[in-house]
Amino acid sequence: MRLLTKGYELLLRGMAVLAGLLMVAMMVAIVVDVTLRNLGTQGSAHLFTFTEYWLLLIPLLGAPWLVREKGHIYVEVLLANLPPAAQRTATRLILVACVAVCAILAWYGGEITVRNYLQSELDVRSFDMPRWRLMVFMPLSFGMMAIEFLRFLVRGEPPFGGGLSASEHDAR
């Protein structure tokens, strides 16, 4: 079990690091492409294709880590106006919904990935890319987000940022 946990942690952090590296690579690719165009030369069509792929991969790779670090976006207006007991109940319901939605999207993404693989579907742009290679990150990412939200639920820990709870805000 310890080896499985270590592997999961390594995968989670590795995906986040890869997302960060892809953001830097995308910025460099855009700067290179714009510079080449301004110099009057034709940039590589592949740069545009890669940046499109990276726009899909960056959120998928980084999202599980963001959930772990409570870095995802949430709106606390409703929770802030509830009494503490109702806040806890609402938080549990939100977590159950998050786990369910992520699990459904992971399942659906897995079906699409397998179908694309079995049908040898290609994403045709400046070069041909097997579509399953892009889609495989969808079930992985949403599955890991479901695990992260489930961890919050099991621990009884709120999935929201490190600030004060709504009732603690009111007490100040």
N, C-alpha and C. Protein backbone atom coordinates (compact mmCIF):
# COMPACT_ATOMS: atom_id res chain seq x y z
N MET A 1 0.82 -1.19 0.00
CA MET A 1 0.00 0.00 0.00
C MET A 1 0.86 1.26 0.00
N ARG A 2 1.95 1.22 0.76
CA ARG A 2 2.86 2.37 0.85
C ARG A 2 3.47 2.67 -0.52
N LEU A 3 3.82 1.63 -1.28
CA LEU A 3 4.39 1.80 -2.61
C LEU A 3 3.37 2.42 -3.56
N LEU A 4 2.12 1.99 -3.45
CA LEU A 4 1.04 2.54 -4.27
C LEU A 4 0.83 4.03 -3.96
N THR A 5 0.85 4.37 -2.68
CA THR A 5 0.69 5.77 -2.27
C THR A 5 1.85 6.62 -2.78
N LYS A 6 3.07 6.11 -2.67
CA LYS A 6 4.23 6.84 -3.17
C LYS A 6 4.14 7.04 -4.67
N GLY A 7 3.71 6.02 -5.38
CA GLY A 7 3.56 6.12 -6.84
C GLY A 7 2.51 7.15 -7.23
N TYR A 8 1.40 7.15 -6.48
CA TYR A 8 0.33 8.11 -6.74
C TYR A 8 0.84 9.53 -6.49
N GLU A 9 1.54 9.73 -5.38
CA GLU A 9 2.09 11.06 -5.05
C GLU A 9 3.07 11.52 -6.13
N LEU A 10 3.91 10.62 -6.58
CA LEU A 10 4.88 10.94 -7.63
C LEU A 10 4.16 11.31 -8.93
N LEU A 11 3.12 10.56 -9.28
CA LEU A 11 2.35 10.86 -10.48
C LEU A 11 1.67 12.22 -10.37
N LEU A 12 1.06 12.49 -9.22
CA LEU A 12 0.36 13.76 -9.00
C LEU A 12 1.32 14.94 -9.15
N ARG A 13 2.45 14.86 -8.47
CA ARG A 13 3.42 15.96 -8.54
C ARG A 13 4.07 16.04 -9.92
N GLY A 14 4.33 14.90 -10.53
CA GLY A 14 4.92 14.89 -11.87
C GLY A 14 4.00 15.53 -12.90
N MET A 15 2.71 15.25 -12.78
CA MET A 15 1.75 15.88 -13.70
C MET A 15 1.73 17.39 -13.51
N ALA A 16 1.79 17.86 -12.25
CA ALA A 16 1.79 19.30 -11.98
C ALA A 16 3.05 19.96 -12.55
N VAL A 17 4.18 19.32 -12.36
CA VAL A 17 5.44 19.86 -12.89
C VAL A 17 5.39 19.89 -14.42
N LEU A 18 4.88 18.83 -15.02
CA LEU A 18 4.77 18.79 -16.47
C LEU A 18 3.83 19.90 -16.98
N ALA A 19 2.74 20.14 -16.27
CA ALA A 19 1.83 21.24 -16.65
C ALA A 19 2.57 22.56 -16.62
N GLY A 20 3.37 22.79 -15.59
CA GLY A 20 4.15 24.02 -15.50
C GLY A 20 5.16 24.14 -16.62
N LEU A 21 5.84 23.04 -16.93
CA LEU A 21 6.82 23.06 -18.02
C LEU A 21 6.14 23.32 -19.36
N LEU A 22 4.96 22.74 -19.55
CA LEU A 22 4.23 22.98 -20.80
C LEU A 22 3.79 24.44 -20.92
N MET A 23 3.45 25.08 -19.79
CA MET A 23 3.11 26.51 -19.84
C MET A 23 4.31 27.33 -20.31
N VAL A 24 5.47 27.00 -19.78
CA VAL A 24 6.69 27.72 -20.19
C VAL A 24 6.97 27.43 -21.67
N ALA A 25 6.86 26.18 -22.07
CA ALA A 25 7.10 25.81 -23.47
C ALA A 25 6.12 26.52 -24.40
N MET A 26 4.87 26.63 -23.97
CA MET A 26 3.87 27.31 -24.78
C MET A 26 4.22 28.79 -24.93
N MET A 27 4.65 29.42 -23.85
CA MET A 27 5.05 30.82 -23.92
C MET A 27 6.23 30.99 -24.88
N VAL A 28 7.22 30.12 -24.77
CA VAL A 28 8.38 30.20 -25.66
C VAL A 28 7.95 29.98 -27.11
N ALA A 29 7.09 29.01 -27.35
CA ALA A 29 6.63 28.72 -28.72
C ALA A 29 5.90 29.93 -29.31
N ILE A 30 5.08 30.59 -28.51
CA ILE A 30 4.35 31.77 -28.99
C ILE A 30 5.32 32.90 -29.30
N VAL A 31 6.28 33.14 -28.40
CA VAL A 31 7.27 34.20 -28.62
C VAL A 31 8.08 33.92 -29.89
N VAL A 32 8.51 32.68 -30.07
CA VAL A 32 9.27 32.30 -31.26
C VAL A 32 8.42 32.50 -32.52
N ASP A 33 7.18 32.05 -32.48
CA ASP A 33 6.30 32.18 -33.64
C ASP A 33 6.07 33.65 -34.00
N VAL A 34 5.76 34.47 -33.02
CA VAL A 34 5.52 35.90 -33.27
C VAL A 34 6.80 36.57 -33.77
N THR A 35 7.93 36.23 -33.19
CA THR A 35 9.21 36.81 -33.62
C THR A 35 9.49 36.45 -35.08
N LEU A 36 9.30 35.17 -35.42
CA LEU A 36 9.54 34.74 -36.80
C LEU A 36 8.61 35.46 -37.78
N ARG A 37 7.37 35.63 -37.40
CA ARG A 37 6.43 36.35 -38.28
C ARG A 37 6.85 37.80 -38.45
N ASN A 38 7.28 38.44 -37.37
CA ASN A 38 7.71 39.84 -37.45
C ASN A 38 9.00 40.01 -38.25
N LEU A 39 9.78 38.96 -38.32
CA LEU A 39 11.00 39.00 -39.14
C LEU A 39 10.72 38.67 -40.60
N GLY A 40 9.45 38.39 -40.89
CA GLY A 40 9.06 38.13 -42.27
C GLY A 40 9.22 36.70 -42.73
N THR A 41 9.49 35.79 -41.79
CA THR A 41 9.61 34.39 -42.17
C THR A 41 8.38 33.62 -41.68
N GLN A 42 8.20 32.49 -42.26
CA GLN A 42 7.07 31.64 -41.90
C GLN A 42 7.44 30.78 -40.70
N GLY A 43 6.67 30.88 -39.63
CA GLY A 43 6.88 30.03 -38.47
C GLY A 43 6.42 28.60 -38.78
N SER A 44 6.76 27.71 -37.91
CA SER A 44 6.36 26.30 -38.08
C SER A 44 4.88 26.13 -37.77
N ALA A 45 4.19 25.42 -38.63
CA ALA A 45 2.78 25.12 -38.38
C ALA A 45 2.64 24.21 -37.16
N HIS A 46 3.71 23.48 -36.85
CA HIS A 46 3.67 22.58 -35.70
C HIS A 46 3.57 23.34 -34.39
N LEU A 47 4.15 24.53 -34.31
CA LEU A 47 4.09 25.31 -33.07
C LEU A 47 2.64 25.60 -32.69
N PHE A 48 1.84 25.98 -33.68
CA PHE A 48 0.43 26.26 -33.42
C PHE A 48 -0.30 25.00 -32.96
N THR A 49 -0.02 23.88 -33.59
CA THR A 49 -0.64 22.61 -33.22
C THR A 49 -0.25 22.21 -31.80
N PHE A 50 1.03 22.33 -31.48
CA PHE A 50 1.47 21.99 -30.14
C PHE A 50 0.81 22.87 -29.08
N THR A 51 0.69 24.17 -29.34
CA THR A 51 0.06 25.03 -28.34
C THR A 51 -1.40 24.67 -28.16
N GLU A 52 -2.07 24.24 -29.22
CA GLU A 52 -3.46 23.78 -29.06
C GLU A 52 -3.52 22.55 -28.17
N TYR A 53 -2.64 21.61 -28.39
CA TYR A 53 -2.61 20.40 -27.57
C TYR A 53 -2.29 20.76 -26.11
N TRP A 54 -1.36 21.65 -25.92
CA TRP A 54 -0.95 22.03 -24.57
C TRP A 54 -2.08 22.74 -23.84
N LEU A 55 -2.92 23.48 -24.58
CA LEU A 55 -4.06 24.14 -23.94
C LEU A 55 -5.05 23.12 -23.39
N LEU A 56 -5.08 21.93 -23.96
CA LEU A 56 -5.89 20.85 -23.42
C LEU A 56 -5.17 20.17 -22.25
N LEU A 57 -3.89 19.90 -22.43
CA LEU A 57 -3.14 19.11 -21.45
C LEU A 57 -2.83 19.86 -20.16
N ILE A 58 -2.54 21.14 -20.24
CA ILE A 58 -2.14 21.89 -19.04
C ILE A 58 -3.21 21.81 -17.94
N PRO A 59 -4.47 22.13 -18.23
CA PRO A 59 -5.46 22.02 -17.15
C PRO A 59 -5.67 20.58 -16.68
N LEU A 60 -5.62 19.63 -17.61
CA LEU A 60 -5.82 18.24 -17.21
C LEU A 60 -4.68 17.74 -16.33
N LEU A 61 -3.47 18.13 -16.64
CA LEU A 61 -2.33 17.69 -15.84
C LEU A 61 -2.25 18.39 -14.48
N GLY A 62 -2.62 19.65 -14.44
CA GLY A 62 -2.48 20.42 -13.21
C GLY A 62 -3.66 20.33 -12.25
N ALA A 63 -4.83 19.97 -12.75
CA ALA A 63 -6.05 20.01 -11.92
C ALA A 63 -5.99 19.11 -10.68
N PRO A 64 -5.52 17.86 -10.76
CA PRO A 64 -5.50 17.05 -9.53
C PRO A 64 -4.64 17.67 -8.43
N TRP A 65 -3.50 18.24 -8.80
CA TRP A 65 -2.63 18.88 -7.81
C TRP A 65 -3.32 20.11 -7.23
N LEU A 66 -4.02 20.88 -8.09
CA LEU A 66 -4.74 22.06 -7.59
C LEU A 66 -5.81 21.67 -6.59
N VAL A 67 -6.51 20.57 -6.84
CA VAL A 67 -7.51 20.10 -5.87
C VAL A 67 -6.81 19.74 -4.57
N ARG A 68 -5.72 19.01 -4.65
CA ARG A 68 -4.97 18.62 -3.45
C ARG A 68 -4.55 19.84 -2.62
N GLU A 69 -4.09 20.87 -3.31
CA GLU A 69 -3.59 22.07 -2.64
C GLU A 69 -4.68 23.09 -2.34
N LYS A 70 -5.93 22.73 -2.61
CA LYS A 70 -7.07 23.62 -2.41
C LYS A 70 -6.91 24.91 -3.21
N GLY A 71 -6.35 24.77 -4.39
CA GLY A 71 -6.10 25.92 -5.26
C GLY A 71 -7.16 26.11 -6.32
N HIS A 72 -8.20 25.29 -6.31
CA HIS A 72 -9.26 25.43 -7.30
C HIS A 72 -10.17 26.60 -6.91
N ILE A 73 -10.95 27.02 -7.85
CA ILE A 73 -11.84 28.16 -7.65
C ILE A 73 -13.13 27.68 -6.97
N TYR A 74 -13.62 28.47 -6.03
CA TYR A 74 -14.90 28.17 -5.40
C TYR A 74 -15.55 29.49 -5.02
N VAL A 75 -16.84 29.45 -4.86
CA VAL A 75 -17.60 30.64 -4.48
C VAL A 75 -18.17 30.37 -3.10
N GLU A 76 -17.80 31.22 -2.14
CA GLU A 76 -18.21 30.97 -0.76
C GLU A 76 -19.39 31.83 -0.32
N VAL A 77 -20.03 32.53 -1.25
CA VAL A 77 -21.14 33.42 -0.87
C VAL A 77 -22.24 32.65 -0.16
N LEU A 78 -22.64 31.52 -0.72
CA LEU A 78 -23.72 30.74 -0.11
C LEU A 78 -23.28 30.18 1.25
N LEU A 79 -22.11 29.56 1.28
CA LEU A 79 -21.64 28.95 2.53
C LEU A 79 -21.42 29.97 3.63
N ALA A 80 -20.96 31.15 3.27
CA ALA A 80 -20.67 32.18 4.27
C ALA A 80 -21.92 32.62 5.02
N ASN A 81 -23.08 32.44 4.44
CA ASN A 81 -24.32 32.89 5.07
C ASN A 81 -25.09 31.76 5.75
N LEU A 82 -24.48 30.59 5.83
CA LEU A 82 -25.13 29.47 6.50
C LEU A 82 -24.57 29.31 7.92
N PRO A 83 -25.40 28.78 8.83
CA PRO A 83 -24.87 28.46 10.16
C PRO A 83 -23.85 27.32 10.05
N PRO A 84 -22.96 27.18 11.04
CA PRO A 84 -21.89 26.18 10.96
C PRO A 84 -22.35 24.75 10.64
N ALA A 85 -23.44 24.30 11.26
CA ALA A 85 -23.92 22.94 10.98
C ALA A 85 -24.35 22.80 9.53
N ALA A 86 -25.02 23.81 9.02
CA ALA A 86 -25.46 23.78 7.61
C ALA A 86 -24.25 23.89 6.68
N GLN A 87 -23.23 24.63 7.11
CA GLN A 87 -22.00 24.72 6.30
C GLN A 87 -21.36 23.34 6.14
N ARG A 88 -21.29 22.61 7.26
CA ARG A 88 -20.68 21.27 7.20
C ARG A 88 -21.49 20.34 6.29
N THR A 89 -22.81 20.39 6.41
CA THR A 89 -23.67 19.56 5.57
C THR A 89 -23.53 19.94 4.10
N ALA A 90 -23.57 21.24 3.82
CA ALA A 90 -23.43 21.71 2.44
C ALA A 90 -22.07 21.32 1.87
N THR A 91 -21.03 21.43 2.68
CA THR A 91 -19.69 21.06 2.23
C THR A 91 -19.63 19.58 1.88
N ARG A 92 -20.23 18.74 2.71
CA ARG A 92 -20.27 17.30 2.39
C ARG A 92 -21.01 17.04 1.09
N LEU A 93 -22.15 17.71 0.91
CA LEU A 93 -22.92 17.54 -0.33
C LEU A 93 -22.12 18.01 -1.55
N ILE A 94 -21.41 19.12 -1.39
CA ILE A 94 -20.57 19.62 -2.48
C ILE A 94 -19.49 18.60 -2.82
N LEU A 95 -18.87 18.03 -1.79
CA LEU A 95 -17.83 17.02 -2.02
C LEU A 95 -18.38 15.78 -2.71
N VAL A 96 -19.55 15.33 -2.28
CA VAL A 96 -20.18 14.17 -2.94
C VAL A 96 -20.44 14.49 -4.41
N ALA A 97 -20.94 15.69 -4.68
CA ALA A 97 -21.20 16.09 -6.07
C ALA A 97 -19.89 16.15 -6.87
N CYS A 98 -18.84 16.69 -6.26
CA CYS A 98 -17.54 16.77 -6.94
C CYS A 98 -17.00 15.38 -7.28
N VAL A 99 -17.08 14.46 -6.31
CA VAL A 99 -16.62 13.09 -6.55
C VAL A 99 -17.44 12.46 -7.68
N ALA A 100 -18.76 12.63 -7.63
CA ALA A 100 -19.63 12.02 -8.64
C ALA A 100 -19.36 12.59 -10.03
N VAL A 101 -19.27 13.90 -10.13
CA VAL A 101 -19.03 14.53 -11.45
C VAL A 101 -17.68 14.11 -12.00
N CYS A 102 -16.65 14.14 -11.16
CA CYS A 102 -15.31 13.75 -11.63
C CYS A 102 -15.28 12.28 -12.03
N ALA A 103 -15.95 11.42 -11.27
CA ALA A 103 -15.98 9.99 -11.61
C ALA A 103 -16.71 9.76 -12.93
N ILE A 104 -17.80 10.46 -13.14
CA ILE A 104 -18.55 10.32 -14.40
C ILE A 104 -17.70 10.79 -15.58
N LEU A 105 -17.04 11.93 -15.42
CA LEU A 105 -16.19 12.44 -16.50
C LEU A 105 -14.99 11.53 -16.74
N ALA A 106 -14.45 10.92 -15.70
CA ALA A 106 -13.35 9.96 -15.86
C ALA A 106 -13.84 8.74 -16.65
N TRP A 107 -15.01 8.25 -16.28
CA TRP A 107 -15.59 7.10 -16.98
C TRP A 107 -15.83 7.42 -18.45
N TYR A 108 -16.47 8.56 -18.69
CA TYR A 108 -16.77 8.98 -20.06
C TYR A 108 -15.48 9.19 -20.85
N GLY A 109 -14.49 9.84 -20.24
CA GLY A 109 -13.21 10.04 -20.90
C GLY A 109 -12.51 8.73 -21.21
N GLY A 110 -12.65 7.76 -20.30
CA GLY A 110 -12.09 6.43 -20.55
C GLY A 110 -12.75 5.74 -21.73
N GLU A 111 -14.07 5.86 -21.81
CA GLU A 111 -14.78 5.28 -22.95
C GLU A 111 -14.32 5.91 -24.27
N ILE A 112 -14.19 7.22 -24.28
CA ILE A 112 -13.75 7.91 -25.50
C ILE A 112 -12.33 7.49 -25.86
N THR A 113 -11.46 7.40 -24.87
CA THR A 113 -10.07 7.01 -25.12
C THR A 113 -10.00 5.61 -25.72
N VAL A 114 -10.72 4.67 -25.13
CA VAL A 114 -10.71 3.30 -25.63
C VAL A 114 -11.31 3.24 -27.05
N ARG A 115 -12.41 3.96 -27.26
CA ARG A 115 -13.04 3.98 -28.59
C ARG A 115 -12.08 4.57 -29.62
N ASN A 116 -11.42 5.67 -29.28
CA ASN A 116 -10.46 6.27 -30.21
C ASN A 116 -9.30 5.33 -30.52
N TYR A 117 -8.86 4.59 -29.51
CA TYR A 117 -7.77 3.63 -29.71
C TYR A 117 -8.22 2.48 -30.61
N LEU A 118 -9.38 1.91 -30.31
CA LEU A 118 -9.87 0.76 -31.08
C LEU A 118 -10.20 1.13 -32.53
N GLN A 119 -10.66 2.35 -32.74
CA GLN A 119 -11.02 2.78 -34.09
C GLN A 119 -9.86 3.49 -34.80
N SER A 120 -8.71 3.54 -34.15
CA SER A 120 -7.51 4.18 -34.71
C SER A 120 -7.80 5.60 -35.21
N GLU A 121 -8.54 6.36 -34.41
CA GLU A 121 -8.89 7.73 -34.79
C GLU A 121 -7.64 8.61 -34.73
N LEU A 122 -7.56 9.52 -35.69
CA LEU A 122 -6.45 10.45 -35.76
C LEU A 122 -6.94 11.88 -35.62
N ASP A 123 -6.13 12.70 -34.97
CA ASP A 123 -6.37 14.13 -34.94
C ASP A 123 -5.47 14.69 -36.03
N VAL A 124 -6.08 15.17 -37.11
CA VAL A 124 -5.32 15.60 -38.28
C VAL A 124 -5.17 17.11 -38.25
N ARG A 125 -3.93 17.53 -38.09
CA ARG A 125 -3.58 18.96 -38.10
C ARG A 125 -2.33 19.09 -38.95
N SER A 126 -1.31 19.78 -38.46
CA SER A 126 -0.08 19.89 -39.23
C SER A 126 0.67 18.54 -39.25
N PHE A 127 0.31 17.67 -38.35
CA PHE A 127 0.77 16.28 -38.35
C PHE A 127 -0.33 15.42 -37.75
N ASP A 128 -0.30 14.15 -38.03
CA ASP A 128 -1.33 13.25 -37.53
C ASP A 128 -0.94 12.72 -36.15
N MET A 129 -1.90 12.83 -35.22
CA MET A 129 -1.67 12.37 -33.85
C MET A 129 -2.79 11.41 -33.50
N PRO A 130 -2.46 10.21 -33.02
CA PRO A 130 -3.53 9.32 -32.55
C PRO A 130 -4.33 10.03 -31.45
N ARG A 131 -5.63 10.13 -31.64
CA ARG A 131 -6.47 10.91 -30.73
C ARG A 131 -6.45 10.35 -29.31
N TRP A 132 -6.30 9.03 -29.15
CA TRP A 132 -6.31 8.45 -27.82
C TRP A 132 -5.16 8.99 -26.97
N ARG A 133 -4.04 9.37 -27.60
CA ARG A 133 -2.90 9.89 -26.85
C ARG A 133 -3.23 11.22 -26.19
N LEU A 134 -4.15 11.97 -26.77
CA LEU A 134 -4.59 13.22 -26.16
C LEU A 134 -5.66 12.94 -25.11
N MET A 135 -6.57 12.05 -25.43
CA MET A 135 -7.72 11.80 -24.56
C MET A 135 -7.38 11.00 -23.31
N VAL A 136 -6.27 10.28 -23.30
CA VAL A 136 -5.93 9.44 -22.15
C VAL A 136 -5.74 10.27 -20.88
N PHE A 137 -5.44 11.54 -21.04
CA PHE A 137 -5.25 12.39 -19.87
C PHE A 137 -6.57 12.78 -19.22
N MET A 138 -7.67 12.66 -19.94
CA MET A 138 -8.97 13.03 -19.38
C MET A 138 -9.41 12.05 -18.27
N PRO A 139 -9.43 10.74 -18.53
CA PRO A 139 -9.82 9.84 -17.43
C PRO A 139 -8.80 9.84 -16.29
N LEU A 140 -7.53 9.99 -16.63
CA LEU A 140 -6.49 10.04 -15.59
C LEU A 140 -6.72 11.24 -14.68
N SER A 141 -6.89 12.41 -15.27
CA SER A 141 -7.05 13.64 -14.49
C SER A 141 -8.33 13.63 -13.67
N PHE A 142 -9.45 13.33 -14.30
CA PHE A 142 -10.71 13.37 -13.56
C PHE A 142 -10.78 12.25 -12.53
N GLY A 143 -10.16 11.11 -12.81
CA GLY A 143 -10.10 10.04 -11.81
C GLY A 143 -9.30 10.48 -10.59
N MET A 144 -8.19 11.14 -10.83
CA MET A 144 -7.37 11.61 -9.71
C MET A 144 -8.07 12.74 -8.94
N MET A 145 -8.80 13.59 -9.66
CA MET A 145 -9.56 14.63 -8.94
C MET A 145 -10.65 14.00 -8.08
N ALA A 146 -11.29 12.94 -8.58
CA ALA A 146 -12.30 12.24 -7.77
C ALA A 146 -11.65 11.69 -6.50
N ILE A 147 -10.47 11.12 -6.63
CA ILE A 147 -9.75 10.60 -5.47
C ILE A 147 -9.44 11.72 -4.48
N GLU A 148 -8.98 12.85 -4.98
CA GLU A 148 -8.63 13.97 -4.10
C GLU A 148 -9.86 14.51 -3.37
N PHE A 149 -10.98 14.67 -4.07
CA PHE A 149 -12.20 15.14 -3.41
C PHE A 149 -12.69 14.09 -2.41
N LEU A 150 -12.56 12.82 -2.75
CA LEU A 150 -12.96 11.75 -1.85
C LEU A 150 -12.11 11.76 -0.57
N ARG A 151 -10.83 12.07 -0.72
CA ARG A 151 -9.96 12.18 0.46
C ARG A 151 -10.46 13.26 1.42
N PHE A 152 -10.86 14.41 0.87
CA PHE A 152 -11.42 15.47 1.72
C PHE A 152 -12.67 14.97 2.43
N LEU A 153 -13.53 14.26 1.70
CA LEU A 153 -14.79 13.78 2.25
C LEU A 153 -14.53 12.79 3.39
N VAL A 154 -13.65 11.84 3.17
CA VAL A 154 -13.34 10.83 4.17
C VAL A 154 -12.71 11.45 5.42
N ARG A 155 -11.84 12.42 5.22
CA ARG A 155 -11.17 13.07 6.35
C ARG A 155 -12.07 14.09 7.06
N GLY A 156 -13.18 14.45 6.45
CA GLY A 156 -14.05 15.47 7.02
C GLY A 156 -13.43 16.86 6.92
N GLU A 157 -12.55 17.00 5.96
CA GLU A 157 -11.81 18.26 5.77
C GLU A 157 -12.47 19.07 4.66
N PRO A 158 -12.64 20.38 4.85
CA PRO A 158 -13.22 21.18 3.77
C PRO A 158 -12.26 21.29 2.59
N PRO A 159 -12.78 21.27 1.37
CA PRO A 159 -11.93 21.34 0.19
C PRO A 159 -11.57 22.76 -0.21
N PHE A 160 -11.89 23.71 0.65
CA PHE A 160 -11.71 25.11 0.30
C PHE A 160 -10.38 25.62 0.83
N GLY A 161 -9.96 26.76 0.31
CA GLY A 161 -8.68 27.36 0.63
C GLY A 161 -8.41 27.51 2.11
N GLY A 162 -7.18 27.88 2.41
CA GLY A 162 -6.70 27.92 3.79
C GLY A 162 -7.22 29.06 4.63
N GLY A 163 -8.15 29.86 4.14
CA GLY A 163 -8.66 30.98 4.92
C GLY A 163 -9.56 30.51 6.04
N LEU A 164 -10.13 31.45 6.75
CA LEU A 164 -11.05 31.15 7.84
C LEU A 164 -12.35 30.63 7.29
N SER A 165 -13.04 29.82 8.06
CA SER A 165 -14.38 29.38 7.65
C SER A 165 -15.31 30.57 7.76
N ALA A 166 -16.49 30.44 7.16
CA ALA A 166 -17.46 31.54 7.17
C ALA A 166 -17.84 31.93 8.59
N SER A 167 -18.01 30.94 9.49
CA SER A 167 -18.39 31.28 10.86
C SER A 167 -17.24 32.00 11.58
N GLU A 168 -15.98 31.66 11.26
CA GLU A 168 -14.84 32.33 11.87
C GLU A 168 -14.73 33.78 11.35
N HIS A 169 -15.10 33.98 10.07
CA HIS A 169 -15.12 35.34 9.51
C HIS A 169 -16.11 36.20 10.29
N ASP A 170 -17.29 35.63 10.57
CA ASP A 170 -18.34 36.39 11.27
C ASP A 170 -17.92 36.74 12.69
N ALA A 171 -17.15 35.85 13.33
CA ALA A 171 -16.73 36.07 14.70
C ALA A 171 -15.74 37.23 14.82
N ARG A 172 -15.04 37.52 13.75
CA ARG A 172 -14.04 38.61 13.79
C ARG A 172 -14.70 39.90 13.66
